[in-house]
Protein backbone atom coordinates (compact mmCIF):
# COMPACT_ATOMS: atom_id res chain seq x y z
CA UNK A 1 0.00 0.00 0.00
CA UNK A 2 1.30 3.48 -0.82
CA UNK A 3 1.50 6.33 1.69
CA UNK A 4 -1.45 7.99 -0.05
CA UNK A 5 -3.55 4.81 0.14
CA UNK A 6 -2.73 4.41 3.85
CA UNK A 7 -3.55 8.07 4.51
CA UNK A 8 -6.91 7.88 2.74
CA UNK A 9 -7.84 4.61 4.41
CA UNK A 10 -6.89 5.87 7.89
CA UNK A 11 -8.87 9.08 7.35
CA UNK A 12 -11.92 7.02 6.37
CA UNK A 13 -11.58 4.71 9.38
CA UNK A 14 -11.33 7.75 11.66
CA UNK A 15 -14.38 9.40 10.08
CA UNK A 16 -16.30 6.20 10.86
CA UNK A 17 -14.78 6.00 14.37
CA UNK A 18 -13.22 2.62 13.53
CA UNK A 19 -9.98 3.35 15.37
CA UNK A 20 -9.24 -0.22 16.47
CA UNK A 21 -9.81 -1.53 12.94
CA UNK A 22 -7.35 1.07 11.64
CA UNK A 23 -4.72 0.00 14.15
CA UNK A 24 -5.15 -3.67 13.27
CA UNK A 25 -4.79 -3.11 9.53
CA UNK A 26 -2.48 -0.13 9.12
CA UNK A 27 -0.06 0.00 12.08
CA UNK A 28 3.28 -1.76 12.49
CA UNK A 29 3.83 -4.08 15.47
CA UNK A 30 6.41 -1.65 16.90
CA UNK A 31 4.40 1.54 16.23
CA UNK A 32 4.75 4.51 18.59
CA UNK A 33 2.06 6.99 19.64
CA UNK A 34 3.02 10.40 21.05
CA UNK A 35 0.51 12.64 22.81
CA UNK A 36 1.04 16.41 23.27
CA UNK A 37 1.34 15.88 27.03
CA UNK A 38 0.81 13.24 29.70
CA UNK A 39 -2.72 13.17 31.12
CA UNK A 40 -4.43 11.27 33.92
CA UNK A 41 -4.12 7.62 33.01
CA UNK A 42 -2.25 8.16 29.73
CA UNK A 43 1.49 8.33 29.16
CA UNK A 44 2.97 10.87 26.75
CA UNK A 45 4.45 8.02 24.69
CA UNK A 46 3.02 4.56 24.02
CA UNK A 47 5.10 1.87 22.29
CA UNK A 48 3.97 -1.28 20.50
CA UNK A 49 0.74 -2.21 18.75
CA UNK A 50 -0.71 -4.09 21.73
CA UNK A 51 -0.11 -1.07 23.99
CA UNK A 52 -1.73 1.21 21.37
CA UNK A 53 -4.78 -1.07 21.25
CA UNK A 54 -5.03 -0.97 25.05
CA UNK A 55 -4.77 2.83 24.97
CA UNK A 56 -7.67 2.93 22.47
CA UNK A 57 -9.77 0.58 24.64
CA UNK A 58 -9.06 2.69 27.72
CA UNK A 59 -9.99 5.94 25.96
CA UNK A 60 -13.19 4.40 24.55
CA UNK A 61 -14.21 3.19 28.01
CA UNK A 62 -14.05 6.81 29.22
CA UNK A 63 -16.44 8.06 26.50
CA UNK A 64 -20.10 8.32 27.48
CA UNK A 65 -21.44 9.56 24.12
CA UNK A 66 -20.07 10.29 20.65
CA UNK A 67 -21.69 12.98 18.51
CA UNK A 68 -19.46 12.72 15.44
CA UNK A 69 -15.93 12.81 14.15
CA UNK A 70 -14.64 14.83 11.22
CA UNK A 71 -11.33 14.42 9.42
CA UNK A 72 -9.76 16.75 6.89
CA UNK A 73 -8.28 15.49 3.65
CA UNK A 74 -4.76 14.14 4.29
CA UNK A 75 -1.73 16.24 3.41
CA UNK A 76 1.12 14.01 2.21
CA UNK A 77 4.85 14.73 2.03
CA UNK A 78 7.09 11.78 1.22
CA UNK A 79 6.49 9.07 3.80
CA UNK A 80 4.64 11.39 6.23
CA UNK A 81 1.03 12.51 6.19
CA UNK A 82 -1.22 14.55 8.43
CA UNK A 83 -4.83 15.55 8.87
CA UNK A 84 -6.96 17.50 11.31
CA UNK A 85 -9.28 15.34 13.40
CA UNK A 86 -12.17 16.76 15.42
CA UNK A 87 -14.24 14.66 17.83
CA UNK A 88 -17.44 15.81 19.49
CA UNK A 89 -17.66 13.76 22.71
CA UNK A 90 -19.11 13.58 26.16
CA UNK A 91 -16.61 11.98 28.49
CA UNK A 92 -17.98 10.26 31.60
CA UNK A 93 -18.47 12.79 34.38
CA UNK A 94 -17.76 15.79 32.12
CA UNK A 95 -19.64 18.17 29.87
CA UNK A 96 -19.83 17.60 26.11
CA UNK A 97 -16.63 18.84 24.44
CA UNK A 98 -15.10 19.14 20.99
CA UNK A 99 -11.49 18.01 20.69
CA UNK A 100 -9.48 19.11 17.65
CA UNK A 101 -5.96 17.94 16.95
CA UNK A 102 -3.40 17.77 14.19
CA UNK A 103 -2.45 14.13 13.63
CA UNK A 104 0.90 13.36 11.99
CA UNK A 105 1.82 9.85 10.80
CA UNK A 106 5.08 8.33 9.58
CA UNK A 107 4.93 5.34 7.23
CA UNK A 108 7.69 2.78 6.68
CA UNK A 109 7.47 -0.45 4.67
CA UNK A 110 3.72 -0.04 4.09
CA UNK A 111 2.76 0.42 7.75
CA UNK A 112 2.32 3.35 10.13
CA UNK A 113 5.30 3.35 12.48
CA UNK A 114 4.47 6.48 14.43
CA UNK A 115 1.64 8.85 15.17
CA UNK A 116 1.92 12.18 16.96
CA UNK A 117 -0.87 14.48 18.06
CA UNK A 118 -0.78 18.27 18.46
CA UNK A 119 -3.54 20.26 20.16
C-alpha atoms as a PDB file:
ATOM      1  CA  UNK A   1       0.000   0.000   0.000  1.00  0.00           C
ATOM      2  CA  UNK A   2       1.298   3.480  -0.817  1.00  0.00           C
ATOM      3  CA  UNK A   3       1.496   6.332   1.695  1.00  0.00           C
ATOM      4  CA  UNK A   4      -1.450   7.989  -0.047  1.00  0.00           C
ATOM      5  CA  UNK A   5      -3.550   4.809   0.144  1.00  0.00           C
ATOM      6  CA  UNK A   6      -2.733   4.413   3.851  1.00  0.00           C
ATOM      7  CA  UNK A   7      -3.551   8.071   4.515  1.00  0.00           C
ATOM      8  CA  UNK A   8      -6.907   7.883   2.737  1.00  0.00           C
ATOM      9  CA  UNK A   9      -7.837   4.606   4.411  1.00  0.00           C
ATOM     10  CA  UNK A  10      -6.889   5.875   7.885  1.00  0.00           C
ATOM     11  CA  UNK A  11      -8.874   9.078   7.354  1.00  0.00           C
ATOM     12  CA  UNK A  12     -11.924   7.019   6.371  1.00  0.00           C
ATOM     13  CA  UNK A  13     -11.580   4.708   9.378  1.00  0.00           C
ATOM     14  CA  UNK A  14     -11.328   7.747  11.661  1.00  0.00           C
ATOM     15  CA  UNK A  15     -14.383   9.399  10.082  1.00  0.00           C
ATOM     16  CA  UNK A  16     -16.298   6.196  10.861  1.00  0.00           C
ATOM     17  CA  UNK A  17     -14.783   5.997  14.369  1.00  0.00           C
ATOM     18  CA  UNK A  18     -13.218   2.624  13.530  1.00  0.00           C
ATOM     19  CA  UNK A  19      -9.979   3.355  15.372  1.00  0.00           C
ATOM     20  CA  UNK A  20      -9.240  -0.216  16.467  1.00  0.00           C
ATOM     21  CA  UNK A  21      -9.812  -1.534  12.935  1.00  0.00           C
ATOM     22  CA  UNK A  22      -7.354   1.074  11.637  1.00  0.00           C
ATOM     23  CA  UNK A  23      -4.721   0.005  14.150  1.00  0.00           C
ATOM     24  CA  UNK A  24      -5.148  -3.665  13.273  1.00  0.00           C
ATOM     25  CA  UNK A  25      -4.794  -3.106   9.530  1.00  0.00           C
ATOM     26  CA  UNK A  26      -2.477  -0.126   9.123  1.00  0.00           C
ATOM     27  CA  UNK A  27      -0.064  -0.004  12.084  1.00  0.00           C
ATOM     28  CA  UNK A  28       3.280  -1.764  12.495  1.00  0.00           C
ATOM     29  CA  UNK A  29       3.827  -4.079  15.469  1.00  0.00           C
ATOM     30  CA  UNK A  30       6.408  -1.649  16.901  1.00  0.00           C
ATOM     31  CA  UNK A  31       4.397   1.537  16.232  1.00  0.00           C
ATOM     32  CA  UNK A  32       4.753   4.511  18.589  1.00  0.00           C
ATOM     33  CA  UNK A  33       2.057   6.989  19.643  1.00  0.00           C
ATOM     34  CA  UNK A  34       3.025  10.399  21.051  1.00  0.00           C
ATOM     35  CA  UNK A  35       0.514  12.642  22.809  1.00  0.00           C
ATOM     36  CA  UNK A  36       1.040  16.408  23.270  1.00  0.00           C
ATOM     37  CA  UNK A  37       1.342  15.876  27.032  1.00  0.00           C
ATOM     38  CA  UNK A  38       0.808  13.244  29.705  1.00  0.00           C
ATOM     39  CA  UNK A  39      -2.724  13.172  31.125  1.00  0.00           C
ATOM     40  CA  UNK A  40      -4.428  11.271  33.920  1.00  0.00           C
ATOM     41  CA  UNK A  41      -4.125   7.622  33.011  1.00  0.00           C
ATOM     42  CA  UNK A  42      -2.249   8.165  29.728  1.00  0.00           C
ATOM     43  CA  UNK A  43       1.493   8.327  29.156  1.00  0.00           C
ATOM     44  CA  UNK A  44       2.971  10.869  26.754  1.00  0.00           C
ATOM     45  CA  UNK A  45       4.451   8.020  24.693  1.00  0.00           C
ATOM     46  CA  UNK A  46       3.023   4.560  24.020  1.00  0.00           C
ATOM     47  CA  UNK A  47       5.096   1.872  22.289  1.00  0.00           C
ATOM     48  CA  UNK A  48       3.969  -1.276  20.500  1.00  0.00           C
ATOM     49  CA  UNK A  49       0.744  -2.212  18.751  1.00  0.00           C
ATOM     50  CA  UNK A  50      -0.709  -4.089  21.726  1.00  0.00           C
ATOM     51  CA  UNK A  51      -0.111  -1.072  23.990  1.00  0.00           C
ATOM     52  CA  UNK A  52      -1.733   1.208  21.369  1.00  0.00           C
ATOM     53  CA  UNK A  53      -4.777  -1.073  21.252  1.00  0.00           C
ATOM     54  CA  UNK A  54      -5.028  -0.974  25.046  1.00  0.00           C
ATOM     55  CA  UNK A  55      -4.774   2.829  24.969  1.00  0.00           C
ATOM     56  CA  UNK A  56      -7.671   2.926  22.474  1.00  0.00           C
ATOM     57  CA  UNK A  57      -9.774   0.583  24.642  1.00  0.00           C
ATOM     58  CA  UNK A  58      -9.062   2.692  27.723  1.00  0.00           C
ATOM     59  CA  UNK A  59      -9.992   5.937  25.959  1.00  0.00           C
ATOM     60  CA  UNK A  60     -13.195   4.396  24.549  1.00  0.00           C
ATOM     61  CA  UNK A  61     -14.206   3.187  28.011  1.00  0.00           C
ATOM     62  CA  UNK A  62     -14.053   6.812  29.217  1.00  0.00           C
ATOM     63  CA  UNK A  63     -16.440   8.060  26.499  1.00  0.00           C
ATOM     64  CA  UNK A  64     -20.096   8.318  27.481  1.00  0.00           C
ATOM     65  CA  UNK A  65     -21.444   9.563  24.123  1.00  0.00           C
ATOM     66  CA  UNK A  66     -20.074  10.289  20.650  1.00  0.00           C
ATOM     67  CA  UNK A  67     -21.687  12.977  18.506  1.00  0.00           C
ATOM     68  CA  UNK A  68     -19.464  12.723  15.439  1.00  0.00           C
ATOM     69  CA  UNK A  69     -15.927  12.806  14.151  1.00  0.00           C
ATOM     70  CA  UNK A  70     -14.636  14.835  11.216  1.00  0.00           C
ATOM     71  CA  UNK A  71     -11.333  14.418   9.424  1.00  0.00           C
ATOM     72  CA  UNK A  72      -9.762  16.754   6.890  1.00  0.00           C
ATOM     73  CA  UNK A  73      -8.277  15.485   3.655  1.00  0.00           C
ATOM     74  CA  UNK A  74      -4.758  14.141   4.286  1.00  0.00           C
ATOM     75  CA  UNK A  75      -1.726  16.238   3.414  1.00  0.00           C
ATOM     76  CA  UNK A  76       1.118  14.007   2.208  1.00  0.00           C
ATOM     77  CA  UNK A  77       4.851  14.728   2.028  1.00  0.00           C
ATOM     78  CA  UNK A  78       7.093  11.783   1.221  1.00  0.00           C
ATOM     79  CA  UNK A  79       6.489   9.074   3.803  1.00  0.00           C
ATOM     80  CA  UNK A  80       4.642  11.387   6.227  1.00  0.00           C
ATOM     81  CA  UNK A  81       1.028  12.512   6.194  1.00  0.00           C
ATOM     82  CA  UNK A  82      -1.224  14.554   8.431  1.00  0.00           C
ATOM     83  CA  UNK A  83      -4.829  15.554   8.870  1.00  0.00           C
ATOM     84  CA  UNK A  84      -6.963  17.500  11.314  1.00  0.00           C
ATOM     85  CA  UNK A  85      -9.277  15.336  13.396  1.00  0.00           C
ATOM     86  CA  UNK A  86     -12.169  16.755  15.421  1.00  0.00           C
ATOM     87  CA  UNK A  87     -14.238  14.660  17.826  1.00  0.00           C
ATOM     88  CA  UNK A  88     -17.439  15.810  19.494  1.00  0.00           C
ATOM     89  CA  UNK A  89     -17.662  13.762  22.715  1.00  0.00           C
ATOM     90  CA  UNK A  90     -19.111  13.575  26.161  1.00  0.00           C
ATOM     91  CA  UNK A  91     -16.609  11.982  28.487  1.00  0.00           C
ATOM     92  CA  UNK A  92     -17.980  10.255  31.596  1.00  0.00           C
ATOM     93  CA  UNK A  93     -18.469  12.794  34.375  1.00  0.00           C
ATOM     94  CA  UNK A  94     -17.759  15.792  32.123  1.00  0.00           C
ATOM     95  CA  UNK A  95     -19.641  18.166  29.867  1.00  0.00           C
ATOM     96  CA  UNK A  96     -19.831  17.604  26.115  1.00  0.00           C
ATOM     97  CA  UNK A  97     -16.633  18.842  24.439  1.00  0.00           C
ATOM     98  CA  UNK A  98     -15.104  19.140  20.987  1.00  0.00           C
ATOM     99  CA  UNK A  99     -11.490  18.013  20.686  1.00  0.00           C
ATOM    100  CA  UNK A 100      -9.480  19.109  17.650  1.00  0.00           C
ATOM    101  CA  UNK A 101      -5.965  17.936  16.945  1.00  0.00           C
ATOM    102  CA  UNK A 102      -3.402  17.774  14.188  1.00  0.00           C
ATOM    103  CA  UNK A 103      -2.453  14.126  13.632  1.00  0.00           C
ATOM    104  CA  UNK A 104       0.904  13.359  11.991  1.00  0.00           C
ATOM    105  CA  UNK A 105       1.819   9.850  10.805  1.00  0.00           C
ATOM    106  CA  UNK A 106       5.082   8.334   9.578  1.00  0.00           C
ATOM    107  CA  UNK A 107       4.932   5.337   7.226  1.00  0.00           C
ATOM    108  CA  UNK A 108       7.686   2.779   6.680  1.00  0.00           C
ATOM    109  CA  UNK A 109       7.466  -0.455   4.668  1.00  0.00           C
ATOM    110  CA  UNK A 110       3.722  -0.036   4.094  1.00  0.00           C
ATOM    111  CA  UNK A 111       2.757   0.420   7.753  1.00  0.00           C
ATOM    112  CA  UNK A 112       2.315   3.348  10.133  1.00  0.00           C
ATOM    113  CA  UNK A 113       5.299   3.348  12.482  1.00  0.00           C
ATOM    114  CA  UNK A 114       4.468   6.483  14.434  1.00  0.00           C
ATOM    115  CA  UNK A 115       1.642   8.854  15.167  1.00  0.00           C
ATOM    116  CA  UNK A 116       1.920  12.179  16.959  1.00  0.00           C
ATOM    117  CA  UNK A 117      -0.874  14.480  18.065  1.00  0.00           C
ATOM    118  CA  UNK A 118      -0.781  18.265  18.461  1.00  0.00           C
ATOM    119  CA  UNK A 119      -3.541  20.262  20.156  1.00  0.00           C
END
